[in-house]
C-alpha atoms as a PDB file:
ATOM      1  CA  MET A   1     -34.607  24.170 -11.656  1.00  0.00           C
ATOM      2  CA  ASP A   2     -32.667  25.718  -8.785  1.00  0.00           C
ATOM      3  CA  ALA A   3     -28.878  25.265  -8.959  1.00  0.00           C
ATOM      4  CA  ALA A   4     -26.024  27.040  -7.227  1.00  0.00           C
ATOM      5  CA  ILE A   5     -22.250  26.743  -7.174  1.00  0.00           C
ATOM      6  CA  VAL A   6     -22.284  26.401  -3.382  1.00  0.00           C
ATOM      7  CA  ASP A   7     -24.474  23.299  -3.701  1.00  0.00           C
ATOM      8  CA  GLY A   8     -21.973  21.610  -5.996  1.00  0.00           C
ATOM      9  CA  ALA A   9     -19.054  22.662  -3.814  1.00  0.00           C
ATOM     10  CA  SER A  10     -20.718  21.237  -0.702  1.00  0.00           C
ATOM     11  CA  HIS A  11     -21.254  17.889  -2.437  1.00  0.00           C
ATOM     12  CA  LEU A  12     -17.503  17.688  -3.097  1.00  0.00           C
ATOM     13  CA  SER A  13     -16.995  17.657   0.678  1.00  0.00           C
ATOM     14  CA  ALA A  14     -19.505  14.851   1.340  1.00  0.00           C
ATOM     15  CA  MET A  15     -16.770  12.339   2.181  1.00  0.00           C
ATOM     16  CA  ILE A  16     -15.120  14.792   4.592  1.00  0.00           C
ATOM     17  CA  HIS A  17     -18.420  15.428   6.396  1.00  0.00           C
ATOM     18  CA  GLY A  18     -18.867  11.671   6.712  1.00  0.00           C
ATOM     19  CA  MET A  19     -15.385  11.287   8.189  1.00  0.00           C
ATOM     20  CA  LEU A  20     -16.068  14.180  10.582  1.00  0.00           C
ATOM     21  CA  ALA A  21     -19.268  12.543  11.786  1.00  0.00           C
ATOM     22  CA  ALA A  22     -17.464   9.225  12.268  1.00  0.00           C
ATOM     23  CA  GLY A  23     -14.676  10.808  14.317  1.00  0.00           C
ATOM     24  CA  GLY A  24     -12.088  10.345  11.610  1.00  0.00           C
ATOM     25  CA  TRP A  25     -11.585  14.049  10.854  1.00  0.00           C
ATOM     26  CA  GLN A  26     -10.610  16.952  13.084  1.00  0.00           C
ATOM     27  CA  ASP A  27     -12.432  20.225  12.429  1.00  0.00           C
ATOM     28  CA  ARG A  28      -9.235  22.233  12.011  1.00  0.00           C
ATOM     29  CA  ARG A  29      -6.696  22.766   9.259  1.00  0.00           C
ATOM     30  CA  GLY A  30      -3.470  20.859   8.810  1.00  0.00           C
ATOM     31  CA  ALA A  31      -4.346  18.004  11.157  1.00  0.00           C
ATOM     32  CA  ASN A  32      -5.959  15.437   8.896  1.00  0.00           C
ATOM     33  CA  LEU A  33      -5.319  12.824   6.250  1.00  0.00           C
ATOM     34  CA  LEU A  34      -5.962  14.994   3.178  1.00  0.00           C
ATOM     35  CA  ASP A  35      -5.386  18.590   4.300  1.00  0.00           C
ATOM     36  CA  GLY A  36      -1.627  18.660   4.762  1.00  0.00           C
ATOM     37  CA  GLY A  37      -1.539  17.126   8.210  1.00  0.00           C
ATOM     38  CA  CYS A  38      -0.537  13.645   7.059  1.00  0.00           C
ATOM     39  CA  PRO A  39       3.221  13.172   6.470  1.00  0.00           C
ATOM     40  CA  PHE A  40       2.662  10.515   3.800  1.00  0.00           C
ATOM     41  CA  TYR A  41       0.198  12.614   1.779  1.00  0.00           C
ATOM     42  CA  GLY A  42       1.766  15.880   0.669  1.00  0.00           C
ATOM     43  CA  THR A  43       4.709  17.433  -1.154  1.00  0.00           C
ATOM     44  CA  TYR A  44       8.379  17.624  -0.213  1.00  0.00           C
ATOM     45  CA  GLU A  45      11.201  19.814  -1.486  1.00  0.00           C
ATOM     46  CA  THR A  46      14.259  18.184  -3.027  1.00  0.00           C
ATOM     47  CA  SER A  47      17.889  19.309  -2.909  1.00  0.00           C
ATOM     48  CA  ASP A  48      17.612  21.245  -6.183  1.00  0.00           C
ATOM     49  CA  GLY A  49      14.485  23.188  -5.205  1.00  0.00           C
ATOM     50  CA  GLY A  50      12.110  20.810  -6.973  1.00  0.00           C
ATOM     51  CA  HIS A  51       9.275  18.932  -5.290  1.00  0.00           C
ATOM     52  CA  MET A  52       7.956  15.389  -5.041  1.00  0.00           C
ATOM     53  CA  ALA A  53       4.284  14.574  -4.469  1.00  0.00           C
ATOM     54  CA  VAL A  54       3.490  11.747  -2.052  1.00  0.00           C
ATOM     55  CA  GLY A  55       0.144   9.938  -1.773  1.00  0.00           C
ATOM     56  CA  ALA A  56       1.007   6.679  -0.007  1.00  0.00           C
ATOM     57  CA  LEU A  57      -2.198   6.359   2.008  1.00  0.00           C
ATOM     58  CA  GLU A  58      -2.833   2.595   1.918  1.00  0.00           C
ATOM     59  CA  GLN A  59      -0.581   0.321   3.958  1.00  0.00           C
ATOM     60  CA  GLN A  60       1.008  -1.490   0.997  1.00  0.00           C
ATOM     61  CA  PHE A  61       1.891   1.786  -0.710  1.00  0.00           C
ATOM     62  CA  TYR A  62       3.184   3.256   2.535  1.00  0.00           C
ATOM     63  CA  ASP A  63       5.411   0.239   3.141  1.00  0.00           C
ATOM     64  CA  GLU A  64       7.039   0.611  -0.279  1.00  0.00           C
ATOM     65  CA  PHE A  65       7.355   4.369   0.162  1.00  0.00           C
ATOM     66  CA  ILE A  66       9.174   3.956   3.484  1.00  0.00           C
ATOM     67  CA  ALA A  67      11.370   1.168   2.110  1.00  0.00           C
ATOM     68  CA  LEU A  68      12.507   3.223  -0.897  1.00  0.00           C
ATOM     69  CA  LEU A  69      13.266   6.161   1.397  1.00  0.00           C
ATOM     70  CA  ASP A  70      15.207   3.766   3.650  1.00  0.00           C
ATOM     71  CA  LEU A  71      13.268   4.951   6.694  1.00  0.00           C
ATOM     72  CA  THR A  72      12.010   1.600   7.936  1.00  0.00           C
ATOM     73  CA  GLU A  73      12.747   2.543  11.545  1.00  0.00           C
ATOM     74  CA  ALA A  74      10.101   5.282  11.268  1.00  0.00           C
ATOM     75  CA  ALA A  75       7.427   3.033   9.710  1.00  0.00           C
ATOM     76  CA  PRO A  76       5.350   2.491  12.911  1.00  0.00           C
ATOM     77  CA  ALA A  77       4.652   6.242  13.120  1.00  0.00           C
ATOM     78  CA  ARG A  78       2.026   5.821  10.402  1.00  0.00           C
ATOM     79  CA  LYS A  79      -0.634   4.832  12.933  1.00  0.00           C
ATOM     80  CA  ASP A  80       0.502   7.167  15.722  1.00  0.00           C
ATOM     81  CA  LEU A  81      -0.751  10.721  15.172  1.00  0.00           C
ATOM     82  CA  ALA A  82       1.448  11.943  18.021  1.00  0.00           C
ATOM     83  CA  ARG A  83       4.504  10.930  15.970  1.00  0.00           C
ATOM     84  CA  TRP A  84       3.380  12.419  12.656  1.00  0.00           C
ATOM     85  CA  GLY A  85       5.495  15.509  13.256  1.00  0.00           C
ATOM     86  CA  ASP A  86       8.640  13.444  13.712  1.00  0.00           C
ATOM     87  CA  LEU A  87       7.817  11.350  10.660  1.00  0.00           C
ATOM     88  CA  ARG A  88       7.324  14.475   8.548  1.00  0.00           C
ATOM     89  CA  GLU A  89      10.699  15.841   9.596  1.00  0.00           C
ATOM     90  CA  ALA A  90      12.409  12.548   8.766  1.00  0.00           C
ATOM     91  CA  VAL A  91      10.779  12.328   5.337  1.00  0.00           C
ATOM     92  CA  ALA A  92      11.537  15.996   4.569  1.00  0.00           C
ATOM     93  CA  ALA A  93      15.185  15.575   5.534  1.00  0.00           C
ATOM     94  CA  ARG A  94      15.538  12.482   3.366  1.00  0.00           C
ATOM     95  CA  PHE A  95      14.029  14.160   0.281  1.00  0.00           C
ATOM     96  CA  LYS A  96      16.463  17.052   0.695  1.00  0.00           C
ATOM     97  CA  GLU A  97      19.355  14.649   0.155  1.00  0.00           C
ATOM     98  CA  ARG A  98      18.747  14.202  -3.594  1.00  0.00           C
ATOM     99  CA  THR A  99      17.467  16.117  -6.617  1.00  0.00           C
ATOM    100  CA  ARG A 100      13.977  15.779  -8.052  1.00  0.00           C
ATOM    101  CA  GLU A 101      15.355  13.822 -11.001  1.00  0.00           C
ATOM    102  CA  GLU A 102      17.198  11.423  -8.719  1.00  0.00           C
ATOM    103  CA  TRP A 103      14.122  10.773  -6.590  1.00  0.00           C
ATOM    104  CA  THR A 104      12.007  10.317  -9.708  1.00  0.00           C
ATOM    105  CA  ALA A 105      14.367   7.543 -10.777  1.00  0.00           C
ATOM    106  CA  VAL A 106      14.125   5.924  -7.324  1.00  0.00           C
ATOM    107  CA  PHE A 107      10.314   5.760  -7.373  1.00  0.00           C
ATOM    108  CA  GLU A 108       9.851   5.115 -11.100  1.00  0.00           C
ATOM    109  CA  GLY A 109       7.854   1.934 -11.678  1.00  0.00           C
ATOM    110  CA  SER A 110       7.110   1.409  -7.982  1.00  0.00           C
ATOM    111  CA  ASP A 111       3.798   1.297  -6.103  1.00  0.00           C
ATOM    112  CA  ALA A 112       4.897   3.902  -3.586  1.00  0.00           C
ATOM    113  CA  CYS A 113       2.552   6.557  -5.043  1.00  0.00           C
ATOM    114  CA  VAL A 114       5.275   9.168  -5.433  1.00  0.00           C
ATOM    115  CA  ALA A 115       5.758  11.389  -8.487  1.00  0.00           C
ATOM    116  CA  PRO A 116       7.606  14.582  -9.417  1.00  0.00           C
ATOM    117  CA  VAL A 117       5.744  17.880  -9.311  1.00  0.00           C
ATOM    118  CA  LEU A 118       5.947  19.263 -12.850  1.00  0.00           C
ATOM    119  CA  SER A 119       5.643  22.838 -14.049  1.00  0.00           C
ATOM    120  CA  LEU A 120       3.023  23.837 -16.619  1.00  0.00           C
ATOM    121  CA  ARG A 121       5.653  23.738 -19.354  1.00  0.00           C
ATOM    122  CA  GLU A 122       7.047  20.398 -18.210  1.00  0.00           C
ATOM    123  CA  ALA A 123       3.740  18.545 -17.928  1.00  0.00           C
ATOM    124  CA  PRO A 124       2.965  18.161 -21.670  1.00  0.00           C
ATOM    125  CA  THR A 125       6.293  16.430 -22.299  1.00  0.00           C
ATOM    126  CA  HIS A 126       5.957  13.877 -19.499  1.00  0.00           C
ATOM    127  CA  PRO A 127       6.115  10.400 -21.116  1.00  0.00           C
ATOM    128  CA  HIS A 128       2.746   9.259 -19.763  1.00  0.00           C
ATOM    129  CA  LEU A 129       0.902  12.429 -20.805  1.00  0.00           C
ATOM    130  CA  ALA A 130       2.652  12.497 -24.167  1.00  0.00           C
ATOM    131  CA  ALA A 131       1.705   8.859 -24.861  1.00  0.00           C
ATOM    132  CA  ARG A 132      -1.944   9.580 -24.088  1.00  0.00           C
ATOM    133  CA  GLY A 133      -1.983  12.793 -26.080  1.00  0.00           C
ATOM    134  CA  THR A 134      -3.294  14.623 -23.013  1.00  0.00           C
ATOM    135  CA  PHE A 135      -2.061  17.921 -24.445  1.00  0.00           C
ATOM    136  CA  THR A 136      -2.241  19.202 -27.996  1.00  0.00           C
ATOM    137  CA  ASP A 137      -0.731  22.047 -30.004  1.00  0.00           C
ATOM    138  CA  HIS A 138      -3.148  24.295 -31.863  1.00  0.00           C
ATOM    139  CA  GLY A 139      -2.335  27.639 -33.414  1.00  0.00           C
ATOM    140  CA  GLY A 140       1.101  27.554 -31.820  1.00  0.00           C
ATOM    141  CA  ILE A 141      -0.334  27.175 -28.318  1.00  0.00           C
ATOM    142  CA  THR A 142      -0.010  24.050 -26.168  1.00  0.00           C
ATOM    143  CA  GLN A 143      -3.259  23.310 -24.366  1.00  0.00           C
ATOM    144  CA  PRO A 144      -5.197  20.362 -22.867  1.00  0.00           C
ATOM    145  CA  ALA A 145      -6.769  18.110 -25.481  1.00  0.00           C
ATOM    146  CA  PRO A 146     -10.560  17.624 -25.420  1.00  0.00           C
ATOM    147  CA  ALA A 147     -11.841  15.162 -22.821  1.00  0.00           C
ATOM    148  CA  PRO A 148     -13.538  12.772 -22.330  1.00  0.00           C
ATOM    149  CA  ARG A 149     -12.800  10.850 -25.508  1.00  0.00           C
ATOM    150  CA  PHE A 150     -15.475   9.065 -27.530  1.00  0.00           C
ATOM    151  CA  SER A 151     -14.690   6.194 -29.885  1.00  0.00           C
ATOM    152  CA  ALA A 152     -17.476   7.027 -32.345  1.00  0.00           C
ATOM    153  CA  THR A 153     -17.322  10.811 -32.064  1.00  0.00           C
ATOM    154  CA  PRO A 154     -13.734  12.078 -32.236  1.00  0.00           C
ATOM    155  CA  THR A 155     -13.134  15.543 -30.815  1.00  0.00           C
ATOM    156  CA  ARG A 156     -10.640  18.226 -31.763  1.00  0.00           C
ATOM    157  CA  VAL A 157      -9.645  21.751 -30.781  1.00  0.00           C
ATOM    158  CA  ARG A 158     -11.293  24.204 -33.164  1.00  0.00           C
ATOM    159  CA  THR A 159     -10.221  27.590 -31.815  1.00  0.00           C
ATOM    160  CA  ARG A 160      -7.027  28.860 -30.255  1.00  0.00           C
ATOM    161  CA  SER A 161      -6.784  30.212 -26.721  1.00  0.00           C
ATOM    162  CA  ARG A 162      -7.382  33.946 -26.392  1.00  0.00           C
ATOM    163  CA  ALA A 163      -4.369  36.155 -25.809  1.00  0.00           C
ATOM    164  CA  ALA A 164      -3.964  37.821 -22.424  1.00  0.00           C
ATOM    165  CA  GLY A 165      -6.090  40.953 -22.141  1.00  0.00           C
ATOM    166  CA  CYS A 166      -8.755  39.897 -24.634  1.00  0.00           C
ATOM    167  CA  ARG A 167     -12.351  40.452 -23.612  1.00  0.00           C
ATOM    168  CA  HIS A 168     -14.566  37.479 -22.914  1.00  0.00           C
ATOM    169  CA  HIS A 169     -17.126  36.732 -25.607  1.00  0.00           C
ATOM    170  CA  ARG A 170     -20.527  35.226 -24.965  1.00  0.00           C
ATOM    171  CA  ARG A 171     -22.970  33.574 -27.331  1.00  0.00           C
ATOM    172  CA  GLY A 172     -25.651  36.163 -26.786  1.00  0.00           C
ATOM    173  CA  PRO A 173     -27.667  37.132 -23.661  1.00  0.00           C
ATOM    174  CA  ARG A 174     -28.231  34.778 -20.765  1.00  0.00           C
ATOM    175  CA  LEU A 175     -31.980  34.290 -20.675  1.00  0.00           C
ATOM    176  CA  GLY A 176     -34.315  33.745 -17.767  1.00  0.00           C
ATOM    177  CA  ARG A 177     -32.263  35.526 -15.113  1.00  0.00           C
ATOM    178  CA  THR A 178     -33.895  37.676 -12.467  1.00  0.00           C
ATOM    179  CA  GLY A 179     -32.639  39.618  -9.501  1.00  0.00           C
ATOM    180  CA  PRO A 180     -30.053  42.375  -8.995  1.00  0.00           C
ATOM    181  CA  HIS A 181     -27.483  40.770 -11.310  1.00  0.00           C
ATOM    182  CA  ALA A 182     -29.842  40.097 -14.231  1.00  0.00           C
ATOM    183  CA  PRO A 183     -29.066  41.848 -17.558  1.00  0.00           C
ATOM    184  CA  ASP A 184     -30.983  45.135 -17.799  1.00  0.00           C
ATOM    185  CA  ASP A 185     -32.732  46.474 -20.914  1.00  0.00           C
ATOM    186  CA  ALA A 186     -29.702  48.570 -21.923  1.00  0.00           C
ATOM    187  CA  MET A 187     -27.423  45.539 -21.807  1.00  0.00           C
ATOM    188  CA  MET A 188     -29.891  43.429 -23.787  1.00  0.00           C
ATOM    189  CA  THR A 189     -30.207  46.189 -26.405  1.00  0.00           C
ATOM    190  CA  ALA A 190     -26.424  46.572 -26.662  1.00  0.00           C
ATOM    191  CA  ASN A 191     -26.121  42.838 -27.099  1.00  0.00           C
ATOM    192  CA  ARG A 192     -28.648  42.789 -29.953  1.00  0.00           C
ATOM    193  CA  GLN A 193     -26.797  45.651 -31.628  1.00  0.00           C
ATOM    194  CA  GLY A 194     -23.548  43.751 -31.220  1.00  0.00           C
ATOM    195  CA  GLN A 195     -25.098  40.689 -32.848  1.00  0.00           C
ATOM    196  CA  ALA A 196     -26.307  42.779 -35.755  1.00  0.00           C
ATOM    197  CA  ARG A 197     -22.786  44.094 -36.363  1.00  0.00           C
ATOM    198  CA  THR A 198     -20.717  40.993 -35.728  1.00  0.00           C
ATOM    199  CA  GLY A 199     -23.074  38.029 -35.759  1.00  0.00           C
ATOM    200  CA  PRO A 200     -24.414  36.015 -32.809  1.00  0.00           C
ATOM    201  CA  GLN A 201     -21.117  34.231 -32.187  1.00  0.00           C
ATOM    202  CA  GLU A 202     -19.139  37.427 -31.643  1.00  0.00           C
ATOM    203  CA  ALA A 203     -21.431  39.582 -29.495  1.00  0.00           C
ATOM    204  CA  THR A 204     -19.348  41.229 -26.805  1.00  0.00           C
ATOM    205  CA  TYR A 205     -20.083  42.185 -23.196  1.00  0.00           C
ATOM    206  CA  ARG A 206     -17.836  44.607 -21.385  1.00  0.00           C
END
């Protein structure tokens, strides 16, 4: 088997390459639907320094987004790339008129595809994530719960996250590797000695 990270990464861009070939993507940054160029797919700062995320790509979502912002006069700019700059400025100015909490209340329950940008500490307490149990507390540390979930094979967190500065532990040597980055004999010997002292689950690489 021959596998490489670059192969997987390139597959993630398959849709973009298709759009480029079809003339629906410009080969430059900040000028396209999903790379920050689109004024109805991005993030905007609110009056209190917070941010709102917008993803109103489809027409019906865009229409509700514009209506809730009370920017109906700017609605036709959606299909005119030459007016995207003006539309972005109008949307940015409107979001700056209220706080993140106020805008969250405006878009709550709508189909406008707008949501508040939460911090790492805020995310676990969001009502939707809390109801799903997306995060869990283990050993005094809040962390993502196991996923995906299986009905017949429940999962659980068994170990706590390592503290900052701890070394990474491996489950023994990585076998079958060749080339300049393969483990040498000294590393393999050190690993076996580490297993003898601490057991196979605690062997340590520097």
